[in-house]
PDB file of N, CA and C in Angstrom:
ATOM      1  N   MET A   1      20.196 -20.511 -49.686  1.00  0.00           N
ATOM      2  CA  MET A   1      20.765 -20.358 -48.366  1.00  0.00           C
ATOM      3  C   MET A   1      21.421 -21.682 -47.986  1.00  0.00           C
ATOM      4  N   SER A   2      22.607 -21.603 -47.438  1.00  0.00           N
ATOM      5  CA  SER A   2      23.334 -22.809 -47.050  1.00  0.00           C
ATOM      6  C   SER A   2      22.670 -23.477 -45.850  1.00  0.00           C
ATOM      7  N   ALA A   3      22.977 -24.764 -45.665  1.00  0.00           N
ATOM      8  CA  ALA A   3      22.425 -25.503 -44.527  1.00  0.00           C
ATOM      9  C   ALA A   3      22.851 -24.846 -43.220  1.00  0.00           C
ATOM     10  N   LYS A   4      24.103 -24.387 -43.148  1.00  0.00           N
ATOM     11  CA  LYS A   4      24.585 -23.737 -41.929  1.00  0.00           C
ATOM     12  C   LYS A   4      23.813 -22.445 -41.662  1.00  0.00           C
ATOM     13  N   ALA A   5      23.596 -21.658 -42.703  1.00  0.00           N
ATOM     14  CA  ALA A   5      22.857 -20.404 -42.546  1.00  0.00           C
ATOM     15  C   ALA A   5      21.429 -20.683 -42.100  1.00  0.00           C
ATOM     16  N   LYS A   6      20.797 -21.722 -42.667  1.00  0.00           N
ATOM     17  CA  LYS A   6      19.443 -22.080 -42.259  1.00  0.00           C
ATOM     18  C   LYS A   6      19.407 -22.475 -40.786  1.00  0.00           C
ATOM     19  N   GLU A   7      20.364 -23.294 -40.368  1.00  0.00           N
ATOM     20  CA  GLU A   7      20.401 -23.722 -38.966  1.00  0.00           C
ATOM     21  C   GLU A   7      20.608 -22.526 -38.045  1.00  0.00           C
ATOM     22  N   GLU A   8      21.502 -21.603 -38.422  1.00  0.00           N
ATOM     23  CA  GLU A   8      21.726 -20.423 -37.596  1.00  0.00           C
ATOM     24  C   GLU A   8      20.457 -19.587 -37.504  1.00  0.00           C
ATOM     25  N   ARG A   9      19.746 -19.429 -38.628  1.00  0.00           N
ATOM     26  CA  ARG A   9      18.522 -18.646 -38.625  1.00  0.00           C
ATOM     27  C   ARG A   9      17.479 -19.292 -37.714  1.00  0.00           C
ATOM     28  N   TRP A  10      17.317 -20.623 -37.781  1.00  0.00           N
ATOM     29  CA  TRP A  10      16.321 -21.304 -36.973  1.00  0.00           C
ATOM     30  C   TRP A  10      16.716 -21.376 -35.507  1.00  0.00           C
ATOM     31  N   SER A  11      17.983 -21.338 -35.200  1.00  0.00           N
ATOM     32  CA  SER A  11      18.392 -21.476 -33.805  1.00  0.00           C
ATOM     33  C   SER A  11      18.322 -20.152 -33.053  1.00  0.00           C
ATOM     34  N   ARG A  12      18.206 -19.051 -33.777  1.00  0.00           N
ATOM     35  CA  ARG A  12      18.060 -17.764 -33.096  1.00  0.00           C
ATOM     36  C   ARG A  12      16.706 -17.694 -32.439  1.00  0.00           C
ATOM     37  N   SER A  13      16.637 -17.034 -31.313  1.00  0.00           N
ATOM     38  CA  SER A  13      15.361 -16.805 -30.668  1.00  0.00           C
ATOM     39  C   SER A  13      15.283 -15.328 -30.316  1.00  0.00           C
ATOM     40  N   PRO A  14      14.828 -14.510 -31.243  1.00  0.00           N
ATOM     41  CA  PRO A  14      14.853 -13.063 -31.010  1.00  0.00           C
ATOM     42  C   PRO A  14      13.917 -12.667 -29.879  1.00  0.00           C
ATOM     43  N   THR A  15      14.326 -11.686 -29.107  1.00  0.00           N
ATOM     44  CA  THR A  15      13.456 -11.192 -28.055  1.00  0.00           C
ATOM     45  C   THR A  15      12.653 -10.001 -28.549  1.00  0.00           C
ATOM     46  N   ARG A  16      13.069  -9.369 -29.621  1.00  0.00           N
ATOM     47  CA  ARG A  16      12.325  -8.260 -30.212  1.00  0.00           C
ATOM     48  C   ARG A  16      12.709  -8.140 -31.672  1.00  0.00           C
ATOM     49  N   PRO A  17      12.148  -9.008 -32.526  1.00  0.00           N
ATOM     50  CA  PRO A  17      12.500  -8.942 -33.936  1.00  0.00           C
ATOM     51  C   PRO A  17      11.977  -7.662 -34.565  1.00  0.00           C
ATOM     52  N   THR A  18      12.709  -7.156 -35.555  1.00  0.00           N
ATOM     53  CA  THR A  18      12.294  -5.947 -36.255  1.00  0.00           C
ATOM     54  C   THR A  18      11.870  -6.257 -37.684  1.00  0.00           C
ATOM     55  N   THR A  19      12.113  -7.463 -38.143  1.00  0.00           N
ATOM     56  CA  THR A  19      11.668  -7.911 -39.453  1.00  0.00           C
ATOM     57  C   THR A  19      11.110  -9.314 -39.288  1.00  0.00           C
ATOM     58  N   ALA A  20      10.544  -9.855 -40.365  1.00  0.00           N
ATOM     59  CA  ALA A  20      10.062 -11.236 -40.287  1.00  0.00           C
ATOM     60  C   ALA A  20      11.222 -12.127 -39.875  1.00  0.00           C
ATOM     61  N   ASP A  21      10.967 -13.059 -38.988  1.00  0.00           N
ATOM     62  CA  ASP A  21      12.021 -13.932 -38.504  1.00  0.00           C
ATOM     63  C   ASP A  21      11.404 -15.224 -38.018  1.00  0.00           C
ATOM     64  N   PHE A  22      12.232 -16.202 -37.752  1.00  0.00           N
ATOM     65  CA  PHE A  22      11.805 -17.486 -37.224  1.00  0.00           C
ATOM     66  C   PHE A  22      12.451 -17.672 -35.862  1.00  0.00           C
ATOM     67  N   ALA A  23      11.771 -18.396 -35.000  1.00  0.00           N
ATOM     68  CA  ALA A  23      12.329 -18.645 -33.674  1.00  0.00           C
ATOM     69  C   ALA A  23      12.070 -20.086 -33.296  1.00  0.00           C
ATOM     70  N   ARG A  24      13.061 -20.728 -32.784  1.00  0.00           N
ATOM     71  CA  ARG A  24      12.912 -22.075 -32.224  1.00  0.00           C
ATOM     72  C   ARG A  24      13.184 -21.946 -30.736  1.00  0.00           C
ATOM     73  N   PRO A  25      12.178 -22.165 -29.893  1.00  0.00           N
ATOM     74  CA  PRO A  25      12.380 -21.973 -28.458  1.00  0.00           C
ATOM     75  C   PRO A  25      13.538 -22.809 -27.929  1.00  0.00           C
ATOM     76  N   LYS A  26      14.284 -22.203 -27.008  1.00  0.00           N
ATOM     77  CA  LYS A  26      15.434 -22.879 -26.412  1.00  0.00           C
ATOM     78  C   LYS A  26      15.121 -23.458 -25.041  1.00  0.00           C
ATOM     79  N   ASP A  27      13.990 -23.050 -24.452  1.00  0.00           N
ATOM     80  CA  ASP A  27      13.629 -23.605 -23.155  1.00  0.00           C
ATOM     81  C   ASP A  27      12.120 -23.731 -23.052  1.00  0.00           C
ATOM     82  N   GLU A  28      11.648 -24.168 -21.892  1.00  0.00           N
ATOM     83  CA  GLU A  28      10.235 -24.485 -21.720  1.00  0.00           C
ATOM     84  C   GLU A  28       9.351 -23.277 -21.464  1.00  0.00           C
ATOM     85  N   ASP A  29       9.923 -22.117 -21.287  1.00  0.00           N
ATOM     86  CA  ASP A  29       9.115 -20.917 -21.083  1.00  0.00           C
ATOM     87  C   ASP A  29       9.862 -19.742 -21.690  1.00  0.00           C
ATOM     88  N   GLU A  30       9.644 -19.557 -22.968  1.00  0.00           N
ATOM     89  CA  GLU A  30      10.359 -18.514 -23.681  1.00  0.00           C
ATOM     90  C   GLU A  30       9.368 -17.523 -24.247  1.00  0.00           C
ATOM     91  N   GLY A  31       9.717 -16.254 -24.215  1.00  0.00           N
ATOM     92  CA  GLY A  31       8.825 -15.224 -24.720  1.00  0.00           C
ATOM     93  C   GLY A  31       9.469 -14.369 -25.786  1.00  0.00           C
ATOM     94  N   ILE A  32       8.607 -13.838 -26.652  1.00  0.00           N
ATOM     95  CA  ILE A  32       9.023 -12.896 -27.686  1.00  0.00           C
ATOM     96  C   ILE A  32       8.088 -11.703 -27.579  1.00  0.00           C
ATOM     97  N   TRP A  33       8.641 -10.502 -27.483  1.00  0.00           N
ATOM     98  CA  TRP A  33       7.853  -9.284 -27.356  1.00  0.00           C
ATOM     99  C   TRP A  33       7.929  -8.491 -28.644  1.00  0.00           C
ATOM    100  N   LEU A  34       6.770  -8.093 -29.169  1.00  0.00           N
ATOM    101  CA  LEU A  34       6.666  -7.221 -30.329  1.00  0.00           C
ATOM    102  C   LEU A  34       5.964  -5.938 -29.893  1.00  0.00           C
ATOM    103  N   ASP A  35       5.808  -5.002 -30.812  1.00  0.00           N
ATOM    104  CA  ASP A  35       5.157  -3.747 -30.451  1.00  0.00           C
ATOM    105  C   ASP A  35       3.729  -3.945 -29.968  1.00  0.00           C
ATOM    106  N   ASN A  36       2.987  -4.899 -30.574  1.00  0.00           N
ATOM    107  CA  ASN A  36       1.565  -5.012 -30.302  1.00  0.00           C
ATOM    108  C   ASN A  36       1.125  -6.309 -29.646  1.00  0.00           C
ATOM    109  N   LEU A  37       2.065  -7.233 -29.405  1.00  0.00           N
ATOM    110  CA  LEU A  37       1.708  -8.480 -28.739  1.00  0.00           C
ATOM    111  C   LEU A  37       2.945  -9.163 -28.198  1.00  0.00           C
ATOM    112  N   GLU A  38       2.699 -10.140 -27.337  1.00  0.00           N
ATOM    113  CA  GLU A  38       3.780 -10.989 -26.829  1.00  0.00           C
ATOM    114  C   GLU A  38       3.373 -12.436 -27.028  1.00  0.00           C
ATOM    115  N   VAL A  39       4.366 -13.285 -27.287  1.00  0.00           N
ATOM    116  CA  VAL A  39       4.130 -14.702 -27.553  1.00  0.00           C
ATOM    117  C   VAL A  39       5.010 -15.511 -26.607  1.00  0.00           C
ATOM    118  N   HIS A  40       4.419 -16.526 -25.973  1.00  0.00           N
ATOM    119  CA  HIS A  40       5.169 -17.349 -25.030  1.00  0.00           C
ATOM    120  C   HIS A  40       4.932 -18.824 -25.309  1.00  0.00           C
ATOM    121  N   LEU A  41       5.979 -19.611 -25.207  1.00  0.00           N
ATOM    122  CA  LEU A  41       5.870 -21.059 -25.144  1.00  0.00           C
ATOM    123  C   LEU A  41       5.941 -21.390 -23.662  1.00  0.00           C
ATOM    124  N   VAL A  42       4.899 -22.062 -23.145  1.00  0.00           N
ATOM    125  CA  VAL A  42       4.827 -22.323 -21.707  1.00  0.00           C
ATOM    126  C   VAL A  42       4.536 -23.799 -21.474  1.00  0.00           C
ATOM    127  N   THR A  43       5.251 -24.404 -20.536  1.00  0.00           N
ATOM    128  CA  THR A  43       4.958 -25.760 -20.100  1.00  0.00           C
ATOM    129  C   THR A  43       4.361 -25.694 -18.706  1.00  0.00           C
ATOM    130  N   HIS A  44       3.123 -26.189 -18.591  1.00  0.00           N
ATOM    131  CA  HIS A  44       2.432 -26.249 -17.307  1.00  0.00           C
ATOM    132  C   HIS A  44       2.570 -27.675 -16.779  1.00  0.00           C
ATOM    133  N   PRO A  45       3.055 -27.869 -15.553  1.00  0.00           N
ATOM    134  CA  PRO A  45       3.245 -29.224 -15.021  1.00  0.00           C
ATOM    135  C   PRO A  45       1.924 -29.947 -14.783  1.00  0.00           C
ATOM    136  N   ALA A  46       1.961 -31.262 -14.916  1.00  0.00           N
ATOM    137  CA  ALA A  46       0.784 -32.099 -14.663  1.00  0.00           C
ATOM    138  C   ALA A  46       0.177 -31.737 -13.314  1.00  0.00           C
ATOM    139  N   GLY A  47      -1.139 -31.603 -13.278  1.00  0.00           N
ATOM    140  CA  GLY A  47      -1.845 -31.307 -12.035  1.00  0.00           C
ATOM    141  C   GLY A  47      -1.918 -29.838 -11.666  1.00  0.00           C
ATOM    142  N   GLN A  48      -1.211 -28.973 -12.384  1.00  0.00           N
ATOM    143  CA  GLN A  48      -1.219 -27.552 -12.027  1.00  0.00           C
ATOM    144  C   GLN A  48      -2.639 -26.987 -12.120  1.00  0.00           C
ATOM    145  N   VAL A  49      -2.979 -26.155 -11.146  1.00  0.00           N
ATOM    146  CA  VAL A  49      -4.280 -25.498 -11.106  1.00  0.00           C
ATOM    147  C   VAL A  49      -4.050 -23.996 -11.045  1.00  0.00           C
ATOM    148  N   LYS A  50      -4.712 -23.257 -11.928  1.00  0.00           N
ATOM    149  CA  LYS A  50      -4.693 -21.789 -11.880  1.00  0.00           C
ATOM    150  C   LYS A  50      -6.120 -21.351 -11.586  1.00  0.00           C
ATOM    151  N   GLU A  51      -6.308 -20.772 -10.409  1.00  0.00           N
ATOM    152  CA  GLU A  51      -7.644 -20.341  -9.999  1.00  0.00           C
ATOM    153  C   GLU A  51      -8.151 -19.234 -10.927  1.00  0.00           C
ATOM    154  N   THR A  52      -9.447 -18.992 -10.852  1.00  0.00           N
ATOM    155  CA  THR A  52     -10.077 -17.966 -11.688  1.00  0.00           C
ATOM    156  C   THR A  52      -9.386 -16.620 -11.467  1.00  0.00           C
ATOM    157  N   HIS A  53      -9.034 -15.980 -12.589  1.00  0.00           N
ATOM    158  CA  HIS A  53      -8.330 -14.706 -12.527  1.00  0.00           C
ATOM    159  C   HIS A  53      -8.640 -13.883 -13.776  1.00  0.00           C
ATOM    160  N   VAL A  54      -8.279 -12.610 -13.703  1.00  0.00           N
ATOM    161  CA  VAL A  54      -8.380 -11.685 -14.825  1.00  0.00           C
ATOM    162  C   VAL A  54      -7.026 -11.018 -14.957  1.00  0.00           C
ATOM    163  N   HIS A  55      -6.530 -10.918 -16.164  1.00  0.00           N
ATOM    164  CA  HIS A  55      -5.232 -10.277 -16.372  1.00  0.00           C
ATOM    165  C   HIS A  55      -5.347  -8.785 -16.068  1.00  0.00           C
ATOM    166  N   ASN A  56      -4.363  -8.284 -15.311  1.00  0.00           N
ATOM    167  CA  ASN A  56      -4.338  -6.875 -14.959  1.00  0.00           C
ATOM    168  C   ASN A  56      -2.917  -6.362 -15.088  1.00  0.00           C
ATOM    169  N   PRO A  57      -2.651  -5.466 -16.033  1.00  0.00           N
ATOM    170  CA  PRO A  57      -3.618  -4.783 -16.882  1.00  0.00           C
ATOM    171  C   PRO A  57      -4.269  -5.741 -17.877  1.00  0.00           C
ATOM    172  N   PRO A  58      -5.464  -5.367 -18.382  1.00  0.00           N
ATOM    173  CA  PRO A  58      -6.209  -6.247 -19.287  1.00  0.00           C
ATOM    174  C   PRO A  58      -5.438  -6.592 -20.555  1.00  0.00           C
ATOM    175  N   GLN A  59      -5.503  -7.860 -20.942  1.00  0.00           N
ATOM    176  CA  GLN A  59      -4.889  -8.348 -22.179  1.00  0.00           C
ATOM    177  C   GLN A  59      -5.834  -9.352 -22.833  1.00  0.00           C
ATOM    178  N   ASP A  60      -5.966  -9.289 -24.166  1.00  0.00           N
ATOM    179  CA  ASP A  60      -6.572 -10.388 -24.891  1.00  0.00           C
ATOM    180  C   ASP A  60      -5.611 -11.558 -24.771  1.00  0.00           C
ATOM    181  N   HIS A  61      -6.153 -12.768 -24.608  1.00  0.00           N
ATOM    182  CA  HIS A  61      -5.341 -13.932 -24.252  1.00  0.00           C
ATOM    183  C   HIS A  61      -5.760 -15.077 -25.165  1.00  0.00           C
ATOM    184  N   VAL A  62      -4.848 -15.575 -25.997  1.00  0.00           N
ATOM    185  CA  VAL A  62      -5.143 -16.678 -26.918  1.00  0.00           C
ATOM    186  C   VAL A  62      -4.164 -17.808 -26.623  1.00  0.00           C
ATOM    187  N   ILE A  63      -4.712 -18.990 -26.343  1.00  0.00           N
ATOM    188  CA  ILE A  63      -3.908 -20.159 -25.983  1.00  0.00           C
ATOM    189  C   ILE A  63      -4.123 -21.240 -27.030  1.00  0.00           C
ATOM    190  N   THR A  64      -3.043 -21.811 -27.545  1.00  0.00           N
ATOM    191  CA  THR A  64      -3.119 -22.983 -28.419  1.00  0.00           C
ATOM    192  C   THR A  64      -2.446 -24.137 -27.697  1.00  0.00           C
ATOM    193  N   ILE A  65      -3.175 -25.220 -27.534  1.00  0.00           N
ATOM    194  CA  ILE A  65      -2.632 -26.398 -26.856  1.00  0.00           C
ATOM    195  C   ILE A  65      -1.729 -27.150 -27.828  1.00  0.00           C
ATOM    196  N   ARG A  66      -0.468 -27.366 -27.432  1.00  0.00           N
ATOM    197  CA  ARG A  66       0.484 -28.110 -28.262  1.00  0.00           C
ATOM    198  C   ARG A  66       0.590 -29.564 -27.836  1.00  0.00           C
ATOM    199  N   SER A  67       0.569 -29.823 -26.516  1.00  0.00           N
ATOM    200  CA  SER A  67       0.636 -31.191 -26.007  1.00  0.00           C
ATOM    201  C   SER A  67      -0.033 -31.228 -24.644  1.00  0.00           C
ATOM    202  N   GLY A  68      -0.436 -32.423 -24.235  1.00  0.00           N
ATOM    203  CA  GLY A  68      -1.113 -32.577 -22.953  1.00  0.00           C
ATOM    204  C   GLY A  68      -2.580 -32.200 -23.070  1.00  0.00           C
ATOM    205  N   ARG A  69      -3.244 -32.182 -21.910  1.00  0.00           N
ATOM    206  CA  ARG A  69      -4.667 -31.850 -21.856  1.00  0.00           C
ATOM    207  C   ARG A  69      -4.906 -30.884 -20.707  1.00  0.00           C
ATOM    208  N   MET A  70      -5.807 -29.947 -20.928  1.00  0.00           N
ATOM    209  CA  MET A  70      -6.129 -28.952 -19.917  1.00  0.00           C
ATOM    210  C   MET A  70      -7.632 -28.702 -19.922  1.00  0.00           C
ATOM    211  N   ARG A  71      -8.186 -28.453 -18.746  1.00  0.00           N
ATOM    212  CA  ARG A  71      -9.577 -28.003 -18.656  1.00  0.00           C
ATOM    213  C   ARG A  71      -9.546 -26.496 -18.453  1.00  0.00           C
ATOM    214  N   TRP A  72     -10.032 -25.768 -19.444  1.00  0.00           N
ATOM    215  CA  TRP A  72     -10.121 -24.308 -19.382  1.00  0.00           C
ATOM    216  C   TRP A  72     -11.546 -23.916 -19.066  1.00  0.00           C
ATOM    217  N   THR A  73     -11.709 -22.972 -18.160  1.00  0.00           N
ATOM    218  CA  THR A  73     -13.022 -22.430 -17.851  1.00  0.00           C
ATOM    219  C   THR A  73     -12.971 -20.930 -18.091  1.00  0.00           C
ATOM    220  N   VAL A  74     -13.879 -20.465 -18.959  1.00  0.00           N
ATOM    221  CA  VAL A  74     -13.967 -19.053 -19.317  1.00  0.00           C
ATOM    222  C   VAL A  74     -15.415 -18.624 -19.105  1.00  0.00           C
ATOM    223  N   GLU A  75     -15.613 -17.658 -18.211  1.00  0.00           N
ATOM    224  CA  GLU A  75     -16.944 -17.167 -17.867  1.00  0.00           C
ATOM    225  C   GLU A  75     -17.895 -18.309 -17.525  1.00  0.00           C
ATOM    226  N   GLY A  76     -17.424 -19.287 -16.737  1.00  0.00           N
ATOM    227  CA  GLY A  76     -18.258 -20.376 -16.271  1.00  0.00           C
ATOM    228  C   GLY A  76     -18.466 -21.514 -17.252  1.00  0.00           C
ATOM    229  N   GLU A  77     -17.963 -21.403 -18.477  1.00  0.00           N
ATOM    230  CA  GLU A  77     -18.083 -22.478 -19.471  1.00  0.00           C
ATOM    231  C   GLU A  77     -16.745 -23.196 -19.590  1.00  0.00           C
ATOM    232  N   SER A  78     -16.759 -24.537 -19.537  1.00  0.00           N
ATOM    233  CA  SER A  78     -15.518 -25.320 -19.532  1.00  0.00           C
ATOM    234  C   SER A  78     -15.322 -26.097 -20.826  1.00  0.00           C
ATOM    235  N   LEU A  79     -14.049 -26.298 -21.169  1.00  0.00           N
ATOM    236  CA  LEU A  79     -13.649 -27.107 -22.313  1.00  0.00           C
ATOM    237  C   LEU A  79     -12.473 -27.969 -21.888  1.00  0.00           C
ATOM    238  N   ASP A  80     -12.555 -29.282 -22.121  1.00  0.00           N
ATOM    239  CA  ASP A  80     -11.395 -30.154 -21.941  1.00  0.00           C
ATOM    240  C   ASP A  80     -10.601 -30.072 -23.234  1.00  0.00           C
ATOM    241  N   ALA A  81      -9.534 -29.287 -23.211  1.00  0.00           N
ATOM    242  CA  ALA A  81      -8.773 -28.948 -24.409  1.00  0.00           C
ATOM    243  C   ALA A  81      -7.655 -29.955 -24.646  1.00  0.00           C
ATOM    244  N   GLU A  82      -7.450 -30.272 -25.919  1.00  0.00           N
ATOM    245  CA  GLU A  82      -6.420 -31.209 -26.367  1.00  0.00           C
ATOM    246  C   GLU A  82      -5.550 -30.517 -27.399  1.00  0.00           C
ATOM    247  N   PRO A  83      -4.444 -31.160 -27.805  1.00  0.00           N
ATOM    248  CA  PRO A  83      -3.573 -30.543 -28.807  1.00  0.00           C
ATOM    249  C   PRO A  83      -4.356 -30.082 -30.040  1.00  0.00           C
ATOM    250  N   GLY A  84      -4.086 -28.842 -30.419  1.00  0.00           N
ATOM    251  CA  GLY A  84      -4.749 -28.227 -31.561  1.00  0.00           C
ATOM    252  C   GLY A  84      -5.903 -27.324 -31.178  1.00  0.00           C
ATOM    253  N   ASP A  85      -6.445 -27.487 -29.954  1.00  0.00           N
ATOM    254  CA  ASP A  85      -7.540 -26.622 -29.523  1.00  0.00           C
ATOM    255  C   ASP A  85      -7.013 -25.221 -29.212  1.00  0.00           C
ATOM    256  N   VAL A  86      -7.877 -24.231 -29.429  1.00  0.00           N
ATOM    257  CA  VAL A  86      -7.539 -22.825 -29.188  1.00  0.00           C
ATOM    258  C   VAL A  86      -8.565 -22.252 -28.222  1.00  0.00           C
ATOM    259  N   ILE A  87      -8.074 -21.570 -27.202  1.00  0.00           N
ATOM    260  CA  ILE A  87      -8.925 -20.919 -26.208  1.00  0.00           C
ATOM    261  C   ILE A  87      -8.705 -19.422 -26.349  1.00  0.00           C
ATOM    262  N   VAL A  88      -9.783 -18.669 -26.512  1.00  0.00           N
ATOM    263  CA  VAL A  88      -9.691 -17.214 -26.659  1.00  0.00           C
ATOM    264  C   VAL A  88     -10.389 -16.574 -25.468  1.00  0.00           C
ATOM    265  N   THR A  89      -9.636 -15.742 -24.749  1.00  0.00           N
ATOM    266  CA  THR A  89     -10.178 -15.026 -23.606  1.00  0.00           C
ATOM    267  C   THR A  89      -9.989 -13.535 -23.851  1.00  0.00           C
ATOM    268  N   PRO A  90     -11.066 -12.803 -24.170  1.00  0.00           N
ATOM    269  CA  PRO A  90     -10.924 -11.357 -24.363  1.00  0.00           C
ATOM    270  C   PRO A  90     -10.473 -10.659 -23.079  1.00  0.00           C
ATOM    271  N   ALA A  91      -9.863  -9.504 -23.241  1.00  0.00           N
ATOM    272  CA  ALA A  91      -9.398  -8.724 -22.093  1.00  0.00           C
ATOM    273  C   ALA A  91     -10.531  -8.498 -21.099  1.00  0.00           C
ATOM    274  N   GLY A  92     -10.218  -8.664 -19.821  1.00  0.00           N
ATOM    275  CA  GLY A  92     -11.175  -8.408 -18.764  1.00  0.00           C
ATOM    276  C   GLY A  92     -12.095  -9.568 -18.436  1.00  0.00           C
ATOM    277  N   ILE A  93     -11.930 -10.721 -19.097  1.00  0.00           N
ATOM    278  CA  ILE A  93     -12.794 -11.875 -18.881  1.00  0.00           C
ATOM    279  C   ILE A  93     -12.104 -12.860 -17.928  1.00  0.00           C
ATOM    280  N   ALA A  94     -12.825 -13.305 -16.919  1.00  0.00           N
ATOM    281  CA  ALA A  94     -12.280 -14.243 -15.935  1.00  0.00           C
ATOM    282  C   ALA A  94     -12.112 -15.626 -16.562  1.00  0.00           C
ATOM    283  N   HIS A  95     -11.010 -16.278 -16.201  1.00  0.00           N
ATOM    284  CA  HIS A  95     -10.728 -17.624 -16.711  1.00  0.00           C
ATOM    285  C   HIS A  95      -9.840 -18.376 -15.726  1.00  0.00           C
ATOM    286  N   SER A  96      -9.832 -19.719 -15.874  1.00  0.00           N
ATOM    287  CA  SER A  96      -9.003 -20.573 -15.026  1.00  0.00           C
ATOM    288  C   SER A  96      -8.662 -21.824 -15.818  1.00  0.00           C
ATOM    289  N   TYR A  97      -7.728 -22.620 -15.268  1.00  0.00           N
ATOM    290  CA  TYR A  97      -7.397 -23.889 -15.918  1.00  0.00           C
ATOM    291  C   TYR A  97      -6.852 -24.882 -14.916  1.00  0.00           C
ATOM    292  N   VAL A  98      -6.883 -26.150 -15.322  1.00  0.00           N
ATOM    293  CA  VAL A  98      -6.231 -27.231 -14.598  1.00  0.00           C
ATOM    294  C   VAL A  98      -5.624 -28.149 -15.649  1.00  0.00           C
ATOM    295  N   VAL A  99      -4.404 -28.627 -15.397  1.00  0.00           N
ATOM    296  CA  VAL A  99      -3.760 -29.586 -16.295  1.00  0.00           C
ATOM    297  C   VAL A  99      -4.288 -30.967 -15.926  1.00  0.00           C
ATOM    298  N   LEU A 100      -4.819 -31.674 -16.917  1.00  0.00           N
ATOM    299  CA  LEU A 100      -5.437 -32.983 -16.713  1.00  0.00           C
ATOM    300  C   LEU A 100      -4.442 -34.109 -16.952  1.00  0.00           C
ATOM    301  N   GLY A 101      -4.594 -35.207 -16.253  1.00  0.00           N
ATOM    302  CA  GLY A 101      -3.771 -36.387 -16.480  1.00  0.00           C
ATOM    303  C   GLY A 101      -2.380 -36.274 -15.899  1.00  0.00           C
ATOM    304  N   ASP A 102      -1.505 -37.183 -16.332  1.00  0.00           N
ATOM    305  CA  ASP A 102      -0.144 -37.279 -15.800  1.00  0.00           C
ATOM    306  C   ASP A 102       0.899 -36.586 -16.670  1.00  0.00           C
ATOM    307  N   GLU A 103       0.477 -35.968 -17.762  1.00  0.00           N
ATOM    308  CA  GLU A 103       1.400 -35.355 -18.714  1.00  0.00           C
ATOM    309  C   GLU A 103       1.379 -33.836 -18.559  1.00  0.00           C
ATOM    310  N   ASP A 104       2.569 -33.217 -18.632  1.00  0.00           N
ATOM    311  CA  ASP A 104       2.632 -31.755 -18.677  1.00  0.00           C
ATOM    312  C   ASP A 104       1.867 -31.262 -19.901  1.00  0.00           C
ATOM    313  N   ALA A 105       1.405 -30.032 -19.840  1.00  0.00           N
ATOM    314  CA  ALA A 105       0.727 -29.414 -20.977  1.00  0.00           C
ATOM    315  C   ALA A 105       1.609 -28.293 -21.515  1.00  0.00           C
ATOM    316  N   THR A 106       1.863 -28.317 -22.817  1.00  0.00           N
ATOM    317  CA  THR A 106       2.642 -27.272 -23.462  1.00  0.00           C
ATOM    318  C   THR A 106       1.702 -26.443 -24.321  1.00  0.00           C
ATOM    319  N   VAL A 107       1.781 -25.124 -24.163  1.00  0.00           N
ATOM    320  CA  VAL A 107       0.893 -24.228 -24.886  1.00  0.00           C
ATOM    321  C   VAL A 107       1.684 -23.099 -25.526  1.00  0.00           C
ATOM    322  N   VAL A 108       1.096 -22.519 -26.564  1.00  0.00           N
ATOM    323  CA  VAL A 108       1.562 -21.245 -27.102  1.00  0.00           C
ATOM    324  C   VAL A 108       0.551 -20.215 -26.634  1.00  0.00           C
ATOM    325  N   CYS A 109       1.042 -19.191 -25.976  1.00  0.00           N
ATOM    326  CA  CYS A 109       0.198 -18.150 -25.407  1.00  0.00           C
ATOM    327  C   CYS A 109       0.501 -16.834 -26.118  1.00  0.00           C
ATOM    328  N   VAL A 110      -0.530 -16.201 -26.667  1.00  0.00           N
ATOM    329  CA  VAL A 110      -0.389 -14.903 -27.331  1.00  0.00           C
ATOM    330  C   VAL A 110      -1.213 -13.899 -26.546  1.00  0.00           C
ATOM    331  N   ASP A 111      -0.576 -12.820 -26.097  1.00  0.00           N
ATOM    332  CA  ASP A 111      -1.253 -11.792 -25.311  1.00  0.00           C
ATOM    333  C   ASP A 111      -1.082 -10.438 -25.991  1.00  0.00           C
ATOM    334  N   ALA A 112      -2.167  -9.643 -25.958  1.00  0.00           N
ATOM    335  CA  ALA A 112      -2.099  -8.294 -26.520  1.00  0.00           C
ATOM    336  C   ALA A 112      -3.014  -7.388 -25.691  1.00  0.00           C
ATOM    337  N   PRO A 113      -2.578  -6.167 -25.450  1.00  0.00           N
ATOM    338  CA  PRO A 113      -1.279  -5.619 -25.798  1.00  0.00           C
ATOM    339  C   PRO A 113      -0.189  -6.213 -24.919  1.00  0.00           C
ATOM    340  N   PRO A 114       1.063  -6.079 -25.330  1.00  0.00           N
ATOM    341  CA  PRO A 114       2.153  -6.673 -24.549  1.00  0.00           C
ATOM    342  C   PRO A 114       2.388  -5.913 -23.245  1.00  0.00           C
ATOM    343  N   LEU A 115       2.818  -6.660 -22.246  1.00  0.00           N
ATOM    344  CA  LEU A 115       3.295  -6.052 -21.007  1.00  0.00           C
ATOM    345  C   LEU A 115       4.778  -5.770 -21.183  1.00  0.00           C
ATOM    346  N   PRO A 116       5.349  -4.912 -20.353  1.00  0.00           N
ATOM    347  CA  PRO A 116       6.797  -4.692 -20.453  1.00  0.00           C
ATOM    348  C   PRO A 116       7.555  -6.001 -20.276  1.00  0.00           C
ATOM    349  N   LYS A 117       8.610  -6.160 -21.047  1.00  0.00           N
ATOM    350  CA  LYS A 117       9.442  -7.354 -20.934  1.00  0.00           C
ATOM    351  C   LYS A 117      10.155  -7.354 -19.592  1.00  0.00           C
ATOM    352  N   PRO A 118      10.140  -8.518 -18.886  1.00  0.00           N
ATOM    353  CA  PRO A 118      10.857  -8.579 -17.607  1.00  0.00           C
ATOM    354  C   PRO A 118      12.350  -8.357 -17.807  1.00  0.00           C
ATOM    355  N   ALA A 119      12.951  -7.778 -16.805  1.00  0.00           N
ATOM    356  CA  ALA A 119      14.405  -7.507 -16.885  1.00  0.00           C
ATOM    357  C   ALA A 119      15.204  -8.770 -16.753  1.00  0.00           C
TER     358      ALA A 119
END
């Protein structure tokens, strides 16, 4: 594959791929919807607080910390998460978070089943 073809393939960000593909996010909050899950790159600003909540409709929720630090609380148990940490919240389980320090936190969020893609 030529260098140009490789760059074109990596620069695409499919919203609903039908075959194996690669995506390089183009912004700070980008999502990809598949039949059985959705994947988001999300940047949470420093100091952001998300109060205890449950996803409705219920979704399994998997977060991988890419940068920054966050305190995640799931069913009353807390973890000060750093890059590389993974937080798993099964559907229907209450959870919350706060971004720690002065740095934004960037995460990869995988949710299943997917919700309808916003228009």
